[in-house]
Amino acid sequence: MQRFKPFLNQPVNLAKAQEEATLTRLGITATYLPEQLEEFDEMEFRTPWQDQQEVVLTIATELGRIKRVMFGLADRQNPELVRSMQQEQLAALLAEKGDQLLAFFEHISQRA
């Protein structure tokens, strides 16, 4: 998770977070994006992973800046039910898709 630390407190470019072509290229789907970021808000993205499982990436923002990044797994029978990932699962995800996720954060952040 250290690799995502540079993105904390960085402004979010909501227009870039909505760019479907780039998200598709990165294998990510936006499942919830607000029309505009409020004082406290969240954005939700999903990406397929092992055995047809979906990883749910939730980004919490405060005043338009990334404050927290959470990774969860969607339940196969009820995709609205999201459970936290175990450390081993998170490590495996980052080993497999870490570069993709870094590219995603580079894209949506306004990091200089």
N, C-alpha and C. Protein backbone atom coordinates (compact mmCIF):
# COMPACT_ATOMS: atom_id res chain seq x y z
N MET A 1 0.81 -1.20 0.00
CA MET A 1 0.00 0.00 0.00
C MET A 1 0.85 1.26 0.00
N GLN A 2 2.11 1.12 0.33
CA GLN A 2 3.00 2.28 0.34
C GLN A 2 3.05 2.95 -1.02
N ARG A 3 2.90 2.17 -2.07
CA ARG A 3 3.00 2.75 -3.42
C ARG A 3 1.88 3.74 -3.72
N PHE A 4 0.78 3.69 -2.95
CA PHE A 4 -0.33 4.62 -3.17
C PHE A 4 -0.25 5.85 -2.26
N LYS A 5 0.65 5.82 -1.31
CA LYS A 5 0.78 6.92 -0.36
C LYS A 5 1.00 8.29 -1.03
N PRO A 6 1.79 8.37 -2.12
CA PRO A 6 1.98 9.68 -2.76
C PRO A 6 0.68 10.31 -3.29
N PHE A 7 -0.35 9.49 -3.45
CA PHE A 7 -1.61 10.02 -3.98
C PHE A 7 -2.52 10.56 -2.90
N LEU A 8 -2.24 10.23 -1.64
CA LEU A 8 -3.06 10.75 -0.55
C LEU A 8 -2.92 12.27 -0.47
N ASN A 9 -4.02 12.92 -0.27
CA ASN A 9 -4.13 14.37 -0.18
C ASN A 9 -3.93 15.07 -1.52
N GLN A 10 -3.93 14.30 -2.61
CA GLN A 10 -3.83 14.91 -3.94
C GLN A 10 -5.24 15.21 -4.46
N PRO A 11 -5.40 16.31 -5.19
CA PRO A 11 -6.71 16.62 -5.77
C PRO A 11 -7.12 15.59 -6.81
N VAL A 12 -8.41 15.35 -6.89
CA VAL A 12 -8.97 14.42 -7.88
C VAL A 12 -9.46 15.22 -9.08
N ASN A 13 -9.14 14.76 -10.25
CA ASN A 13 -9.68 15.32 -11.48
C ASN A 13 -10.88 14.47 -11.85
N LEU A 14 -12.07 14.93 -11.49
CA LEU A 14 -13.29 14.16 -11.69
C LEU A 14 -13.56 13.88 -13.17
N ALA A 15 -13.22 14.82 -14.03
CA ALA A 15 -13.41 14.60 -15.47
C ALA A 15 -12.58 13.42 -15.95
N LYS A 16 -11.35 13.32 -15.47
CA LYS A 16 -10.50 12.19 -15.86
C LYS A 16 -11.02 10.88 -15.26
N ALA A 17 -11.59 10.95 -14.06
CA ALA A 17 -12.13 9.75 -13.43
C ALA A 17 -13.33 9.21 -14.21
N GLN A 18 -13.93 10.06 -15.05
CA GLN A 18 -15.09 9.67 -15.84
C GLN A 18 -14.71 9.24 -17.26
N GLU A 19 -13.44 9.32 -17.63
CA GLU A 19 -13.01 8.98 -19.00
C GLU A 19 -13.09 7.48 -19.22
N GLU A 20 -14.17 7.07 -19.86
CA GLU A 20 -14.45 5.65 -20.03
C GLU A 20 -13.37 4.93 -20.84
N ALA A 21 -12.83 5.56 -21.86
CA ALA A 21 -11.82 4.90 -22.70
C ALA A 21 -10.58 4.56 -21.89
N THR A 22 -10.12 5.48 -21.07
CA THR A 22 -8.93 5.23 -20.25
C THR A 22 -9.22 4.18 -19.19
N LEU A 23 -10.38 4.28 -18.55
CA LEU A 23 -10.74 3.28 -17.54
C LEU A 23 -10.82 1.89 -18.17
N THR A 24 -11.42 1.79 -19.34
CA THR A 24 -11.52 0.50 -20.03
C THR A 24 -10.13 -0.05 -20.35
N ARG A 25 -9.24 0.81 -20.81
CA ARG A 25 -7.87 0.39 -21.13
C ARG A 25 -7.18 -0.16 -19.88
N LEU A 26 -7.50 0.40 -18.72
CA LEU A 26 -6.91 -0.03 -17.46
C LEU A 26 -7.67 -1.19 -16.82
N GLY A 27 -8.77 -1.61 -17.44
CA GLY A 27 -9.55 -2.72 -16.90
C GLY A 27 -10.37 -2.34 -15.68
N ILE A 28 -10.77 -1.07 -15.62
CA ILE A 28 -11.50 -0.54 -14.46
C ILE A 28 -12.83 0.03 -14.92
N THR A 29 -13.86 -0.17 -14.11
CA THR A 29 -15.18 0.37 -14.39
C THR A 29 -15.59 1.28 -13.24
N ALA A 30 -16.10 2.45 -13.57
CA ALA A 30 -16.63 3.35 -12.55
C ALA A 30 -18.04 2.89 -12.21
N THR A 31 -18.28 2.61 -10.93
CA THR A 31 -19.62 2.18 -10.52
C THR A 31 -20.36 3.27 -9.74
N TYR A 32 -19.63 4.21 -9.18
CA TYR A 32 -20.27 5.39 -8.58
C TYR A 32 -19.31 6.56 -8.66
N LEU A 33 -19.78 7.60 -9.32
CA LEU A 33 -19.06 8.87 -9.37
C LEU A 33 -20.07 9.98 -9.14
N PRO A 34 -19.81 10.86 -8.20
CA PRO A 34 -20.73 11.98 -8.00
C PRO A 34 -20.61 12.95 -9.18
N GLU A 35 -21.64 13.75 -9.36
CA GLU A 35 -21.59 14.77 -10.43
C GLU A 35 -20.50 15.80 -10.13
N GLN A 36 -20.36 16.12 -8.87
CA GLN A 36 -19.26 16.98 -8.42
C GLN A 36 -18.89 16.54 -7.02
N LEU A 37 -17.64 16.75 -6.66
CA LEU A 37 -17.18 16.33 -5.35
C LEU A 37 -17.63 17.33 -4.29
N GLU A 38 -18.31 16.81 -3.29
CA GLU A 38 -18.77 17.64 -2.17
C GLU A 38 -17.67 17.69 -1.11
N GLU A 39 -17.98 18.28 0.03
CA GLU A 39 -16.98 18.39 1.10
C GLU A 39 -16.41 17.01 1.46
N PHE A 40 -17.29 16.04 1.67
CA PHE A 40 -16.89 14.65 1.90
C PHE A 40 -17.62 13.82 0.85
N ASP A 41 -16.89 12.98 0.15
CA ASP A 41 -17.51 12.19 -0.90
C ASP A 41 -16.75 10.90 -1.10
N GLU A 42 -17.34 10.01 -1.88
CA GLU A 42 -16.70 8.75 -2.24
C GLU A 42 -16.90 8.49 -3.71
N MET A 43 -15.96 7.76 -4.28
CA MET A 43 -16.06 7.27 -5.64
C MET A 43 -15.83 5.77 -5.57
N GLU A 44 -16.52 5.02 -6.44
CA GLU A 44 -16.34 3.57 -6.42
C GLU A 44 -16.02 3.08 -7.82
N PHE A 45 -15.04 2.21 -7.87
CA PHE A 45 -14.60 1.59 -9.12
C PHE A 45 -14.49 0.09 -8.89
N ARG A 46 -14.60 -0.67 -9.98
CA ARG A 46 -14.46 -2.13 -9.88
C ARG A 46 -13.54 -2.62 -10.99
N THR A 47 -12.87 -3.73 -10.68
CA THR A 47 -12.01 -4.37 -11.66
C THR A 47 -12.10 -5.88 -11.44
N PRO A 48 -12.18 -6.66 -12.53
CA PRO A 48 -12.25 -8.11 -12.36
C PRO A 48 -10.92 -8.64 -11.84
N TRP A 49 -11.02 -9.76 -11.11
CA TRP A 49 -9.82 -10.38 -10.57
C TRP A 49 -10.01 -11.88 -10.59
N GLN A 50 -9.23 -12.61 -9.89
CA GLN A 50 -9.20 -14.07 -9.92
C GLN A 50 -10.58 -14.69 -9.85
N ASP A 51 -10.75 -15.77 -10.61
CA ASP A 51 -11.99 -16.56 -10.56
C ASP A 51 -13.25 -15.72 -10.70
N GLN A 52 -13.22 -14.78 -11.60
CA GLN A 52 -14.38 -13.92 -11.88
C GLN A 52 -14.84 -13.12 -10.67
N GLN A 53 -13.93 -12.83 -9.77
CA GLN A 53 -14.26 -11.98 -8.63
C GLN A 53 -14.03 -10.53 -9.01
N GLU A 54 -14.77 -9.65 -8.38
CA GLU A 54 -14.59 -8.22 -8.60
C GLU A 54 -13.96 -7.56 -7.39
N VAL A 55 -12.93 -6.78 -7.64
CA VAL A 55 -12.33 -5.96 -6.60
C VAL A 55 -13.05 -4.63 -6.62
N VAL A 56 -13.45 -4.17 -5.46
CA VAL A 56 -14.12 -2.88 -5.33
C VAL A 56 -13.11 -1.90 -4.74
N LEU A 57 -12.85 -0.84 -5.47
CA LEU A 57 -11.91 0.20 -5.06
C LEU A 57 -12.74 1.43 -4.69
N THR A 58 -12.71 1.78 -3.42
CA THR A 58 -13.45 2.95 -2.94
C THR A 58 -12.45 4.02 -2.55
N ILE A 59 -12.66 5.20 -3.08
CA ILE A 59 -11.79 6.34 -2.79
C ILE A 59 -12.61 7.38 -2.05
N ALA A 60 -12.22 7.66 -0.83
CA ALA A 60 -12.89 8.68 -0.02
C ALA A 60 -12.15 10.00 -0.23
N THR A 61 -12.93 11.06 -0.41
CA THR A 61 -12.34 12.37 -0.63
C THR A 61 -12.85 13.37 0.41
N GLU A 62 -12.02 14.36 0.64
CA GLU A 62 -12.40 15.49 1.49
C GLU A 62 -11.95 16.74 0.76
N LEU A 63 -12.89 17.63 0.52
CA LEU A 63 -12.61 18.87 -0.21
C LEU A 63 -11.91 18.58 -1.55
N GLY A 64 -12.33 17.48 -2.20
CA GLY A 64 -11.80 17.14 -3.53
C GLY A 64 -10.43 16.48 -3.53
N ARG A 65 -9.93 16.13 -2.35
CA ARG A 65 -8.61 15.49 -2.24
C ARG A 65 -8.76 14.06 -1.75
N ILE A 66 -7.91 13.18 -2.25
CA ILE A 66 -7.93 11.77 -1.85
C ILE A 66 -7.51 11.66 -0.39
N LYS A 67 -8.37 11.08 0.42
CA LYS A 67 -8.07 10.93 1.84
C LYS A 67 -7.90 9.47 2.25
N ARG A 68 -8.59 8.56 1.57
CA ARG A 68 -8.51 7.15 1.93
C ARG A 68 -8.78 6.30 0.71
N VAL A 69 -8.06 5.18 0.61
CA VAL A 69 -8.24 4.22 -0.47
C VAL A 69 -8.55 2.88 0.18
N MET A 70 -9.66 2.27 -0.23
CA MET A 70 -10.06 1.00 0.36
C MET A 70 -10.27 -0.04 -0.74
N PHE A 71 -9.77 -1.24 -0.50
CA PHE A 71 -9.93 -2.34 -1.44
C PHE A 71 -10.82 -3.39 -0.79
N GLY A 72 -11.81 -3.87 -1.52
CA GLY A 72 -12.70 -4.91 -1.02
C GLY A 72 -13.02 -5.89 -2.13
N LEU A 73 -13.66 -7.00 -1.77
CA LEU A 73 -14.10 -8.00 -2.74
C LEU A 73 -15.62 -8.05 -2.73
N ALA A 74 -16.20 -8.00 -3.91
CA ALA A 74 -17.66 -8.10 -4.03
C ALA A 74 -18.06 -9.57 -3.90
N ASP A 75 -19.12 -9.82 -3.18
CA ASP A 75 -19.66 -11.16 -3.03
C ASP A 75 -20.17 -11.65 -4.39
N ARG A 76 -19.87 -12.89 -4.72
CA ARG A 76 -20.27 -13.41 -6.05
C ARG A 76 -21.79 -13.50 -6.20
N GLN A 77 -22.50 -13.88 -5.14
CA GLN A 77 -23.96 -14.01 -5.23
C GLN A 77 -24.67 -12.67 -5.07
N ASN A 78 -24.06 -11.76 -4.31
CA ASN A 78 -24.67 -10.46 -4.07
C ASN A 78 -23.59 -9.39 -4.25
N PRO A 79 -23.39 -8.89 -5.48
CA PRO A 79 -22.31 -7.95 -5.76
C PRO A 79 -22.37 -6.64 -4.97
N GLU A 80 -23.51 -6.36 -4.36
CA GLU A 80 -23.62 -5.15 -3.55
C GLU A 80 -22.97 -5.33 -2.18
N LEU A 81 -22.76 -6.58 -1.79
CA LEU A 81 -22.13 -6.89 -0.52
C LEU A 81 -20.61 -6.93 -0.74
N VAL A 82 -19.90 -6.06 -0.05
CA VAL A 82 -18.44 -5.93 -0.23
C VAL A 82 -17.76 -6.24 1.10
N ARG A 83 -16.75 -7.11 1.01
CA ARG A 83 -15.98 -7.48 2.21
C ARG A 83 -14.55 -7.00 2.06
N SER A 84 -13.93 -6.67 3.17
CA SER A 84 -12.54 -6.24 3.15
C SER A 84 -11.66 -7.38 2.66
N MET A 85 -10.56 -7.00 2.04
CA MET A 85 -9.60 -7.99 1.57
C MET A 85 -8.65 -8.35 2.71
N GLN A 86 -8.24 -9.61 2.75
CA GLN A 86 -7.22 -10.03 3.69
C GLN A 86 -5.86 -9.57 3.14
N GLN A 87 -4.88 -9.45 4.04
CA GLN A 87 -3.55 -8.98 3.63
C GLN A 87 -2.98 -9.81 2.48
N GLU A 88 -3.16 -11.12 2.53
CA GLU A 88 -2.62 -12.00 1.48
C GLU A 88 -3.31 -11.71 0.15
N GLN A 89 -4.61 -11.49 0.19
CA GLN A 89 -5.35 -11.18 -1.03
C GLN A 89 -4.90 -9.85 -1.61
N LEU A 90 -4.73 -8.86 -0.74
CA LEU A 90 -4.30 -7.55 -1.19
C LEU A 90 -2.90 -7.62 -1.81
N ALA A 91 -2.01 -8.37 -1.18
CA ALA A 91 -0.65 -8.54 -1.72
C ALA A 91 -0.69 -9.21 -3.09
N ALA A 92 -1.55 -10.22 -3.25
CA ALA A 92 -1.67 -10.90 -4.54
C ALA A 92 -2.26 -9.97 -5.60
N LEU A 93 -3.25 -9.18 -5.22
CA LEU A 93 -3.84 -8.22 -6.14
C LEU A 93 -2.79 -7.21 -6.62
N LEU A 94 -2.04 -6.66 -5.68
CA LEU A 94 -1.04 -5.65 -6.03
C LEU A 94 0.09 -6.24 -6.86
N ALA A 95 0.43 -7.50 -6.62
CA ALA A 95 1.45 -8.16 -7.44
C ALA A 95 0.96 -8.31 -8.87
N GLU A 96 -0.32 -8.58 -9.02
CA GLU A 96 -0.89 -8.81 -10.35
C GLU A 96 -1.30 -7.51 -11.06
N LYS A 97 -1.89 -6.59 -10.32
CA LYS A 97 -2.48 -5.40 -10.95
C LYS A 97 -1.93 -4.08 -10.41
N GLY A 98 -0.84 -4.13 -9.68
CA GLY A 98 -0.30 -2.93 -9.05
C GLY A 98 0.04 -1.83 -10.04
N ASP A 99 0.70 -2.18 -11.15
CA ASP A 99 1.06 -1.17 -12.15
C ASP A 99 -0.17 -0.54 -12.78
N GLN A 100 -1.17 -1.35 -13.02
CA GLN A 100 -2.44 -0.88 -13.57
C GLN A 100 -3.10 0.12 -12.62
N LEU A 101 -3.10 -0.22 -11.34
CA LEU A 101 -3.71 0.66 -10.34
C LEU A 101 -2.92 1.95 -10.17
N LEU A 102 -1.61 1.86 -10.24
CA LEU A 102 -0.78 3.08 -10.19
C LEU A 102 -1.11 4.00 -11.37
N ALA A 103 -1.23 3.42 -12.56
CA ALA A 103 -1.58 4.21 -13.75
C ALA A 103 -2.94 4.87 -13.56
N PHE A 104 -3.87 4.16 -12.94
CA PHE A 104 -5.19 4.70 -12.67
C PHE A 104 -5.09 5.92 -11.75
N PHE A 105 -4.35 5.79 -10.65
CA PHE A 105 -4.21 6.91 -9.73
C PHE A 105 -3.47 8.08 -10.35
N GLU A 106 -2.48 7.80 -11.17
CA GLU A 106 -1.78 8.87 -11.90
C GLU A 106 -2.79 9.62 -12.79
N HIS A 107 -3.66 8.86 -13.41
CA HIS A 107 -4.65 9.44 -14.33
C HIS A 107 -5.66 10.33 -13.61
N ILE A 108 -6.19 9.86 -12.48
CA ILE A 108 -7.28 10.62 -11.84
C ILE A 108 -6.79 11.71 -10.89
N SER A 109 -5.53 11.64 -10.50
CA SER A 109 -5.04 12.67 -9.57
C SER A 109 -4.49 13.85 -10.34
N GLN A 110 -4.37 14.94 -9.65
CA GLN A 110 -3.79 16.15 -10.26
C GLN A 110 -2.40 16.37 -9.69
N ARG A 111 -1.74 15.23 -9.43
CA ARG A 111 -0.39 15.28 -8.86
C ARG A 111 0.55 15.95 -9.84
N ALA A 112 1.36 16.85 -9.34
CA ALA A 112 2.29 17.59 -10.21
C ALA A 112 3.49 16.74 -10.53
